[in-house]
Protein backbone atom coordinates (compact mmCIF):
# COMPACT_ATOMS: atom_id res chain seq x y z
CA MET A 1 -120.38 21.07 -28.68
CA THR A 2 -123.20 18.99 -30.08
CA PRO A 3 -124.94 20.84 -33.03
CA LEU A 4 -128.32 22.36 -32.09
CA ASP A 5 -131.49 21.31 -33.75
CA PRO A 6 -131.87 23.48 -36.96
CA THR A 7 -135.71 23.58 -36.80
CA ARG A 8 -135.55 24.52 -33.08
CA LEU A 9 -132.91 27.23 -33.99
CA VAL A 10 -135.10 28.88 -36.58
CA ILE A 11 -138.17 28.83 -34.33
CA ALA A 12 -136.17 30.34 -31.48
CA ALA A 13 -134.72 33.06 -33.70
CA VAL A 14 -138.15 34.04 -35.03
CA ALA A 15 -139.69 34.04 -31.59
CA GLY A 16 -136.77 36.08 -30.13
CA LEU A 17 -136.86 38.70 -32.88
CA ILE A 18 -140.63 38.95 -32.48
CA LEU A 19 -140.10 39.40 -28.74
CA LEU A 20 -137.54 42.10 -29.41
CA LEU A 21 -139.91 44.01 -31.75
CA VAL A 22 -142.86 43.69 -29.26
CA LEU A 23 -140.67 45.04 -26.45
CA ILE A 24 -139.73 48.16 -28.37
CA ILE A 25 -143.01 48.88 -30.22
CA ARG A 26 -145.71 47.76 -27.78
CA TYR A 27 -143.99 48.38 -24.40
CA ARG A 28 -141.61 51.18 -25.57
CA MET A 29 -138.69 49.43 -23.87
CA GLN A 30 -135.31 50.96 -24.24
CA ALA A 31 -133.67 49.58 -27.42
CA MET A 32 -130.43 48.34 -25.58
CA ILE A 33 -132.41 46.25 -23.03
CA ALA A 34 -134.85 44.94 -25.72
CA ILE A 35 -132.07 43.87 -28.01
CA LEU A 36 -130.18 42.16 -25.17
CA VAL A 37 -133.28 40.42 -23.90
CA GLY A 38 -134.17 39.25 -27.37
CA ALA A 39 -130.64 37.93 -28.03
CA VAL A 40 -130.46 36.04 -24.73
CA ALA A 41 -134.05 34.69 -25.33
CA ILE A 42 -133.04 33.28 -28.72
CA GLY A 43 -130.02 31.51 -27.05
CA LEU A 44 -132.18 30.01 -24.26
CA ALA A 45 -135.05 28.97 -26.64
CA ALA A 46 -132.47 27.36 -29.06
CA GLY A 47 -130.98 25.27 -26.25
CA MET A 48 -127.49 26.89 -26.24
CA PRO A 49 -125.44 26.01 -23.07
CA PHE A 50 -125.38 28.80 -20.49
CA GLU A 51 -121.60 29.08 -20.83
CA LEU A 52 -121.92 29.65 -24.58
CA ILE A 53 -124.62 32.32 -24.10
CA ILE A 54 -122.43 34.22 -21.53
CA LYS A 55 -119.47 33.91 -23.99
CA SER A 56 -121.68 35.36 -26.86
CA VAL A 57 -122.62 38.32 -24.63
CA ASN A 58 -119.11 39.04 -23.58
CA ASP A 59 -117.59 38.56 -27.04
CA GLY A 60 -120.38 40.65 -28.62
CA MET A 61 -119.84 43.54 -26.31
CA GLY A 62 -116.08 43.51 -26.22
CA ASN A 63 -115.36 42.88 -29.87
CA THR A 64 -117.97 45.34 -31.10
CA LEU A 65 -116.98 48.20 -28.88
CA GLU A 66 -113.30 47.54 -29.49
CA GLY A 67 -113.75 48.67 -33.16
CA ILE A 68 -116.00 51.75 -32.80
CA ALA A 69 -115.81 53.21 -29.28
CA LEU A 70 -113.06 55.60 -30.05
CA LEU A 71 -114.42 56.49 -33.49
CA VAL A 72 -117.83 57.44 -32.25
CA GLY A 73 -116.40 59.61 -29.42
CA LEU A 74 -113.85 61.36 -31.66
CA GLY A 75 -116.43 61.86 -34.37
CA SER A 76 -118.85 63.35 -31.95
CA MET A 77 -116.27 65.90 -30.50
CA PHE A 78 -115.22 66.81 -34.03
CA GLY A 79 -118.77 67.52 -35.05
CA ALA A 80 -119.40 69.60 -32.01
CA ILE A 81 -116.48 71.89 -32.81
CA LEU A 82 -117.66 72.22 -36.38
CA GLU A 83 -121.17 73.12 -35.02
CA ILE A 84 -120.29 75.75 -32.36
CA SER A 85 -117.58 77.39 -34.54
CA GLY A 86 -120.16 78.16 -37.36
CA GLY A 87 -118.23 75.85 -39.74
CA ALA A 88 -121.42 74.13 -40.93
CA GLN A 89 -123.05 77.50 -41.63
CA THR A 90 -119.97 78.63 -43.48
CA LEU A 91 -120.16 75.69 -45.78
CA ALA A 92 -123.92 76.15 -46.53
CA VAL A 93 -123.75 80.03 -47.05
CA THR A 94 -120.78 79.72 -49.27
CA MET A 95 -122.19 76.83 -51.35
CA VAL A 96 -125.34 78.73 -51.83
CA ASP A 97 -123.64 81.92 -52.85
CA ARG A 98 -121.45 80.22 -55.33
CA PHE A 99 -124.37 78.12 -56.94
CA GLY A 100 -126.74 81.00 -56.98
CA ASP A 101 -130.45 81.05 -56.07
CA LYS A 102 -131.50 79.00 -59.06
CA LYS A 103 -129.24 76.08 -58.13
CA ALA A 104 -129.41 76.69 -54.35
CA ALA A 105 -131.18 73.33 -53.85
CA TRP A 106 -128.15 71.53 -55.19
CA ALA A 107 -125.94 73.54 -52.91
CA LEU A 108 -128.01 72.66 -49.87
CA GLY A 109 -128.12 69.02 -50.77
CA ILE A 110 -124.28 68.75 -51.06
CA THR A 111 -123.83 70.82 -47.93
CA GLY A 112 -126.16 68.48 -45.95
CA LEU A 113 -124.38 65.44 -47.23
CA VAL A 114 -120.98 66.76 -46.13
CA ILE A 115 -122.11 68.22 -42.84
CA ALA A 116 -123.94 65.06 -41.74
CA MET A 117 -120.69 63.04 -41.85
CA PRO A 118 -119.23 64.61 -38.70
CA VAL A 119 -122.41 66.17 -37.21
CA PHE A 120 -125.48 64.32 -35.95
CA PHE A 121 -128.51 64.57 -38.17
CA ASP A 122 -130.68 66.40 -35.62
CA ALA A 123 -127.97 68.96 -34.94
CA GLY A 124 -127.16 69.52 -38.62
CA LEU A 125 -130.89 70.06 -39.35
CA ILE A 126 -131.31 72.63 -36.67
CA ILE A 127 -128.16 74.46 -37.72
CA LEU A 128 -128.88 74.62 -41.41
CA ILE A 129 -132.75 74.79 -41.66
CA PRO A 130 -132.65 78.62 -41.16
CA LEU A 131 -130.79 78.94 -44.37
CA ALA A 132 -133.35 76.92 -46.37
CA PHE A 133 -136.01 79.26 -44.80
CA SER A 134 -134.16 82.42 -45.67
CA LEU A 135 -133.83 81.23 -49.36
CA ALA A 136 -137.59 80.42 -49.45
CA LYS A 137 -138.37 83.87 -48.02
CA ARG A 138 -136.14 85.53 -50.60
CA THR A 139 -137.47 83.67 -53.62
CA SER A 140 -141.12 83.36 -52.37
CA ARG A 141 -141.09 79.59 -52.89
CA SER A 142 -142.36 76.84 -50.73
CA SER A 143 -140.02 75.91 -47.90
CA LEU A 144 -140.00 72.36 -49.19
CA TYR A 145 -138.27 73.50 -52.38
CA TYR A 146 -135.05 74.03 -50.31
CA ALA A 147 -135.80 71.97 -47.17
CA ILE A 148 -136.10 68.63 -49.00
CA PRO A 149 -132.68 68.83 -50.77
CA LEU A 150 -131.15 69.82 -47.42
CA LEU A 151 -132.90 66.88 -45.63
CA ALA A 152 -131.86 64.51 -48.37
CA GLY A 153 -128.25 65.47 -48.00
CA LEU A 154 -128.34 65.05 -44.27
CA ALA A 155 -130.04 61.75 -44.61
CA VAL A 156 -127.33 60.40 -47.03
CA GLY A 157 -124.32 61.74 -44.92
CA HIS A 158 -125.98 60.26 -41.73
CA ALA A 159 -126.58 56.93 -43.30
CA PHE A 160 -123.84 56.11 -45.93
CA ILE A 161 -120.53 57.86 -45.21
CA PRO A 162 -118.17 57.37 -42.24
CA PRO A 163 -117.24 58.86 -39.81
CA THR A 164 -120.96 59.05 -38.88
CA PRO A 165 -121.68 56.16 -36.41
CA GLY A 166 -124.13 54.18 -38.51
CA PRO A 167 -121.83 52.93 -41.33
CA VAL A 168 -118.94 52.85 -38.89
CA LEU A 169 -120.74 50.23 -36.67
CA VAL A 170 -121.82 48.23 -39.65
CA ALA A 171 -118.38 48.17 -41.22
CA THR A 172 -116.86 47.11 -37.84
CA MET A 173 -119.34 44.23 -37.56
CA LEU A 174 -118.79 43.07 -41.04
CA GLY A 175 -115.02 43.47 -40.79
CA VAL A 176 -114.58 45.82 -43.74
CA ASP A 177 -112.08 48.65 -44.23
CA LEU A 178 -113.64 52.12 -43.81
CA GLY A 179 -111.86 53.42 -46.83
CA TRP A 180 -113.83 51.18 -49.06
CA VAL A 181 -116.99 52.10 -47.12
CA ILE A 182 -116.34 55.69 -47.67
CA MET A 183 -115.77 55.32 -51.45
CA VAL A 184 -118.82 53.14 -52.05
CA GLY A 185 -120.86 55.38 -49.70
CA VAL A 186 -119.89 58.57 -51.61
CA VAL A 187 -121.01 56.99 -54.92
CA CYS A 188 -124.15 55.59 -53.58
CA GLY A 189 -124.90 58.71 -51.61
CA ALA A 190 -124.34 61.07 -54.57
CA PHE A 191 -126.93 59.31 -56.64
CA ALA A 192 -129.37 59.19 -53.65
CA MET A 193 -128.89 62.82 -52.82
CA ILE A 194 -129.68 63.89 -56.44
CA VAL A 195 -132.81 61.72 -56.79
CA ALA A 196 -134.21 62.45 -53.34
CA GLY A 197 -133.04 65.99 -52.95
CA PRO A 198 -133.12 68.52 -55.91
CA VAL A 199 -135.36 66.29 -58.13
CA TRP A 200 -137.90 65.30 -55.43
CA GLY A 201 -137.61 68.60 -53.85
CA ALA A 202 -138.55 70.48 -56.99
CA TYR A 203 -141.69 68.38 -57.26
CA CYS A 204 -142.63 68.88 -53.56
CA GLY A 205 -141.94 72.58 -53.85
CA LYS A 206 -144.42 72.87 -56.62
CA ARG A 207 -147.02 70.36 -55.18
CA TYR A 208 -147.10 71.57 -51.60
CA PHE A 209 -146.75 75.27 -50.56
CA ILE A 210 -145.28 75.39 -47.14
CA PRO A 211 -144.76 79.00 -45.92
CA VAL A 212 -141.74 80.08 -43.96
CA PRO A 213 -142.58 79.82 -40.23
CA GLU A 214 -143.51 83.20 -38.79
CA HIS A 215 -140.84 83.06 -36.06
CA VAL A 216 -138.28 82.69 -38.86
CA ALA A 217 -139.65 85.19 -41.38
CA SER A 218 -138.80 88.10 -39.03
CA GLN A 219 -135.20 87.01 -38.36
CA PRO A 220 -132.31 88.78 -40.01
CA ASP A 221 -130.07 86.85 -42.41
CA ILE A 222 -127.04 84.98 -41.19
CA ASP A 223 -123.99 87.39 -40.56
CA THR A 224 -121.25 85.78 -42.58
CA LYS A 225 -118.58 88.04 -41.06
CA LYS A 226 -118.56 86.12 -37.90
CA LEU A 227 -118.06 82.71 -39.71
CA PRO A 228 -114.81 80.87 -40.19
CA SER A 229 -113.19 80.44 -43.66
CA PHE A 230 -114.88 78.20 -46.21
CA THR A 231 -111.50 76.74 -47.31
CA THR A 232 -110.50 76.04 -43.68
CA VAL A 233 -113.65 74.16 -42.93
CA VAL A 234 -113.46 72.06 -46.15
CA LEU A 235 -109.97 71.02 -45.50
CA ILE A 236 -110.54 70.05 -41.87
CA ILE A 237 -113.55 67.89 -42.95
CA LEU A 238 -111.51 66.29 -45.66
CA ILE A 239 -108.60 65.34 -43.35
CA PRO A 240 -110.05 62.01 -41.99
CA LEU A 241 -111.72 61.08 -45.29
CA VAL A 242 -108.56 61.51 -47.37
CA LEU A 243 -106.28 59.76 -44.78
CA ILE A 244 -108.61 56.81 -44.46
CA ILE A 245 -109.00 56.32 -48.29
CA LEU A 246 -105.29 56.73 -48.73
CA LYS A 247 -104.75 53.68 -46.43
CA SER A 248 -107.05 51.62 -48.51
CA VAL A 249 -105.48 52.69 -51.78
CA ALA A 250 -101.88 52.03 -50.45
CA GLY A 251 -102.91 48.48 -49.72
CA VAL A 252 -103.47 47.79 -53.40
CA VAL A 253 -101.09 50.20 -55.14
CA GLU A 254 -97.56 48.87 -55.37
CA ALA A 255 -96.01 52.34 -56.02
CA MET A 256 -97.02 53.36 -52.46
CA ALA A 257 -95.24 50.37 -50.89
CA PRO A 258 -92.29 52.40 -49.51
CA MET A 259 -94.62 54.66 -47.55
CA ARG A 260 -97.19 51.99 -46.73
CA SER A 261 -96.50 51.79 -42.94
CA VAL A 262 -96.66 55.60 -42.47
CA ILE A 263 -99.83 55.74 -44.57
CA ASN A 264 -101.39 52.87 -42.76
CA PHE A 265 -100.65 54.55 -39.46
CA LEU A 266 -102.08 57.97 -40.44
CA GLY A 267 -105.10 56.25 -42.17
CA GLU A 268 -106.05 54.19 -39.21
CA PRO A 269 -109.45 55.71 -38.41
CA PHE A 270 -108.92 56.66 -34.84
CA VAL A 271 -105.58 58.34 -35.82
CA ALA A 272 -107.21 60.25 -38.72
CA LEU A 273 -110.10 61.44 -36.56
CA THR A 274 -107.71 62.40 -33.77
CA ILE A 275 -105.72 64.53 -36.11
CA ALA A 276 -108.86 66.13 -37.65
CA THR A 277 -110.16 66.83 -34.12
CA LEU A 278 -106.88 68.54 -33.00
CA VAL A 279 -106.81 70.56 -36.18
CA ALA A 280 -110.42 71.65 -35.69
CA MET A 281 -109.67 72.69 -32.07
CA ALA A 282 -106.77 74.85 -33.16
CA LEU A 283 -108.28 76.36 -36.36
CA LEU A 284 -112.00 76.46 -35.48
CA GLY A 285 -111.75 76.74 -31.77
CA TYR A 286 -108.84 78.66 -30.35
CA ARG A 287 -108.41 80.80 -33.49
CA ASN A 288 -112.06 81.92 -33.26
CA GLY A 289 -111.66 82.92 -29.61
CA TYR A 290 -112.77 79.94 -27.70
CA SER A 291 -110.75 79.27 -24.51
CA SER A 292 -109.54 75.78 -23.50
CA LYS A 293 -112.18 75.64 -20.83
CA GLU A 294 -115.04 76.47 -23.23
CA LEU A 295 -113.78 73.80 -25.79
CA GLU A 296 -113.46 71.25 -23.14
CA ARG A 297 -117.00 71.97 -22.00
CA VAL A 298 -118.46 71.70 -25.55
CA MET A 299 -116.53 68.56 -26.32
CA THR A 300 -117.53 66.89 -23.10
CA LYS A 301 -121.13 67.89 -23.65
CA SER A 302 -120.99 66.14 -27.18
CA LEU A 303 -120.14 62.91 -25.55
CA GLU A 304 -123.47 62.55 -23.76
CA PRO A 305 -125.36 60.77 -26.55
CA VAL A 306 -122.37 58.56 -27.30
CA GLY A 307 -122.98 56.12 -24.42
CA LEU A 308 -126.43 55.19 -25.68
CA ILE A 309 -125.16 54.76 -29.27
CA LEU A 310 -122.32 52.60 -28.15
CA LEU A 311 -124.49 50.32 -25.78
CA VAL A 312 -127.19 49.78 -28.52
CA THR A 313 -124.53 48.94 -30.90
CA ALA A 314 -122.77 46.60 -28.52
CA CYS A 315 -126.06 44.78 -27.90
CA GLY A 316 -126.42 44.40 -31.60
CA GLY A 317 -122.98 42.66 -31.40
CA VAL A 318 -124.46 40.39 -28.79
CA LEU A 319 -127.18 39.29 -31.16
CA ARG A 320 -124.65 38.69 -33.88
CA TYR A 321 -122.63 36.41 -31.68
CA ILE A 322 -125.65 34.51 -30.43
CA LEU A 323 -126.62 33.90 -34.01
CA GLN A 324 -123.11 32.99 -34.97
CA TYR A 325 -122.23 30.69 -32.07
CA SER A 326 -125.60 28.92 -32.21
CA GLY A 327 -125.04 27.97 -35.83
CA LEU A 328 -128.04 29.99 -37.06
CA GLY A 329 -125.90 32.12 -39.26
CA GLU A 330 -125.02 29.02 -41.30
CA ILE A 331 -128.71 28.05 -41.59
CA ILE A 332 -129.53 31.67 -42.84
CA GLY A 333 -126.51 31.47 -45.20
CA GLY A 334 -127.71 28.19 -46.61
CA ALA A 335 -131.17 29.44 -47.13
CA VAL A 336 -129.88 32.48 -48.93
CA ALA A 337 -127.64 30.40 -51.15
CA SER A 338 -130.49 28.14 -52.02
CA ALA A 339 -132.74 30.97 -52.83
CA SER A 340 -130.08 32.48 -55.12
CA LEU A 341 -130.52 35.95 -53.60
CA PRO A 342 -127.65 38.26 -53.56
CA ILE A 343 -126.47 38.98 -50.11
CA VAL A 344 -126.78 42.68 -50.83
CA VAL A 345 -130.49 42.16 -51.42
CA VAL A 346 -130.83 40.20 -48.22
CA ALA A 347 -129.04 42.88 -46.30
CA PHE A 348 -131.38 45.61 -47.57
CA VAL A 349 -134.52 43.72 -46.92
CA VAL A 350 -133.53 42.77 -43.36
CA ALA A 351 -132.56 46.27 -42.50
CA ALA A 352 -135.83 47.68 -44.14
CA LEU A 353 -138.07 45.36 -42.17
CA VAL A 354 -136.49 46.38 -38.86
CA ARG A 355 -136.64 50.09 -39.85
CA ILE A 356 -140.27 49.95 -40.72
CA SER A 357 -141.08 48.03 -37.51
CA VAL A 358 -139.02 49.81 -34.97
CA GLY A 359 -138.39 53.24 -36.59
CA SER A 360 -134.78 53.79 -35.43
CA ALA A 361 -132.15 53.73 -38.16
CA THR A 362 -129.44 52.91 -35.66
CA VAL A 363 -131.32 49.88 -34.34
CA ALA A 364 -132.12 48.79 -37.86
CA MET A 365 -128.48 48.92 -38.87
CA THR A 366 -127.33 47.21 -35.74
CA MET A 367 -129.70 44.31 -35.96
CA ALA A 368 -129.30 43.83 -39.69
CA ALA A 369 -125.44 43.91 -39.36
CA GLY A 370 -125.63 41.33 -36.62
CA ILE A 371 -127.71 38.98 -38.66
CA ILE A 372 -125.66 39.37 -41.85
CA ALA A 373 -122.32 39.17 -39.99
CA ALA A 374 -123.35 35.80 -38.65
CA MET A 375 -123.50 34.33 -42.19
CA PRO A 376 -120.42 32.35 -43.23
CA GLU A 377 -120.65 33.82 -46.71
CA ILE A 378 -119.39 37.13 -45.41
CA ALA A 379 -115.88 35.77 -44.91
CA ALA A 380 -115.44 35.03 -48.70
CA LEU A 381 -116.57 38.48 -49.89
CA SER A 382 -114.06 41.02 -51.23
CA PRO A 383 -113.60 44.38 -49.47
CA LEU A 384 -115.63 46.24 -52.21
CA HIS A 385 -118.44 43.62 -51.94
CA LEU A 386 -118.64 44.05 -48.23
CA ALA A 387 -118.69 47.78 -48.64
CA CYS A 388 -121.74 47.31 -50.91
CA VAL A 389 -123.32 45.14 -48.20
CA THR A 390 -122.72 48.06 -45.75
CA ALA A 391 -124.23 50.53 -48.04
CA SER A 392 -127.22 48.30 -48.62
CA ILE A 393 -127.86 47.89 -44.86
CA ALA A 394 -127.67 51.70 -44.59
CA GLY A 395 -130.27 52.04 -47.43
CA GLY A 396 -132.66 49.57 -45.82
CA ALA A 397 -132.27 51.36 -42.45
CA THR A 398 -133.21 54.71 -44.05
CA VAL A 399 -136.50 53.88 -45.95
CA CYS A 400 -140.04 54.54 -44.78
CA SER A 401 -139.59 56.92 -41.90
CA HIS A 402 -143.02 57.24 -40.39
CA PHE A 403 -144.74 57.86 -37.00
CA ASN A 404 -142.32 55.57 -34.94
CA ASP A 405 -139.31 57.58 -36.12
CA SER A 406 -138.24 60.54 -34.04
CA GLY A 407 -136.88 62.14 -37.31
CA PHE A 408 -140.43 62.29 -38.68
CA TRP A 409 -141.71 64.45 -35.89
CA LEU A 410 -138.59 66.63 -35.80
CA VAL A 411 -138.92 67.38 -39.46
CA LYS A 412 -142.70 67.90 -39.25
CA THR A 413 -142.23 70.38 -36.36
CA LEU A 414 -139.30 72.30 -37.83
CA VAL A 415 -140.64 72.74 -41.33
CA GLY A 416 -144.31 73.30 -40.19
CA MET A 417 -146.13 70.51 -41.86
CA ASP A 418 -149.14 68.29 -40.90
CA GLU A 419 -148.64 64.56 -40.64
CA LYS A 420 -150.28 63.85 -44.04
CA THR A 421 -147.89 66.25 -45.89
CA THR A 422 -144.86 64.86 -43.95
CA LEU A 423 -145.74 61.39 -45.06
CA ARG A 424 -146.09 62.58 -48.62
CA THR A 425 -142.78 64.48 -48.66
CA TRP A 426 -140.30 63.47 -45.95
CA THR A 427 -141.29 59.75 -45.82
CA ILE A 428 -141.08 59.40 -49.64
CA MET A 429 -137.78 61.24 -49.61
CA GLU A 430 -136.30 58.90 -47.02
CA THR A 431 -137.48 55.96 -49.14
CA LEU A 432 -135.97 57.53 -52.24
CA VAL A 433 -132.62 58.00 -50.43
CA GLY A 434 -132.54 54.35 -49.16
CA ALA A 435 -133.80 52.76 -52.28
CA THR A 436 -131.47 54.58 -54.59
CA GLY A 437 -128.54 53.98 -52.43
CA PHE A 438 -129.31 50.33 -52.33
CA VAL A 439 -129.81 50.03 -56.16
CA VAL A 440 -126.43 51.66 -56.81
CA ALA A 441 -124.72 49.34 -54.18
CA LEU A 442 -126.33 46.34 -55.94
CA VAL A 443 -124.91 47.51 -59.33
CA ILE A 444 -121.45 48.03 -57.82
CA SER A 445 -121.56 44.60 -56.17
CA LEU A 446 -122.05 42.93 -59.57
CA PHE A 447 -118.50 44.06 -60.51
CA ALA A 448 -116.95 43.29 -57.03
């Protein structure tokens, strides 16, 4: 194929991305359609042959879904079992009891981080926010003193650590092993949770007094006798994480060579998540009195939001292949190389700009991953460096939550704040989560 004109390519890409943002922001078009229209518009404006545009769409949809469809579905069912069984509440209540009231903010941050890996952010918040309110009622503190650490932990787990969909889709598009993403994500997430959680939460708790909502103040405390065992819940959550990490470690540790094929099989993400889901069904479902019919209904219900996530992600893959097949990825890569900007920084900036414009963290991750994956430099990076790029995209897609983000309104409503206070607390917390995670990823990448 004759190379396309570079100037026309750049103009087409800018115009296409502007069109995409206008469709989402101004006309409130569904993100999947907007990304698909924007991607095809780039191809047409750049002068790509029709056959190549069609190939980009087909390859983008197929190759992207091939890597994440099973993972998102299994992760959703796994999280649903953890949710309905009371496993998330078990983890939170036990952590708070062991840390004590004085350090309960740290317990809530850690709990939020762990719970958000298998459970969607919205569900995790709705399940755990009553515990933050009960602590605030018991200690007569501002709800924010406990709610902010919980929110920070949930935001970190949601953005940085698989098997939550965001980092899984970015890792798939960049072609990086999930074990490395988990290890880097845990390190980045730990620092981010500390800075944005207990530290920022303590300041917010003193600066803004938000009383416990009236409908919550009269509710009795959680009955812990009806909850599953803490040890059981922790072990089940650790199953996929440990198996996936072991697979990555086995690839570089020679002493594990005799068992490498078995470990690689068990550590394959879909196998690890399948095992965890089956164990959760047995120990959190059947053992707690749920029938097969009830579990089937809960697990099927959990798959309803999966279709939207997968289609938005797949359209992000289309954008990636349009940029790659048109040759724009090489142009972007050349510009980054000449500007001497680390690719980790570029990834963060791209994701942050989309996040601020569109509001959706998933769309920001998808678009940023598509743009970065089209750059030739990606192929030469080590697995550790790619994991840092993944964390950087996650950080950029987390910052500056404001009026165009559904999470902003959910937090405002549940915690009982006005818009100004939500901007001064939640929005800054999200920015601290994303920026801290990015800085840690950048430091790690210097040694990759």
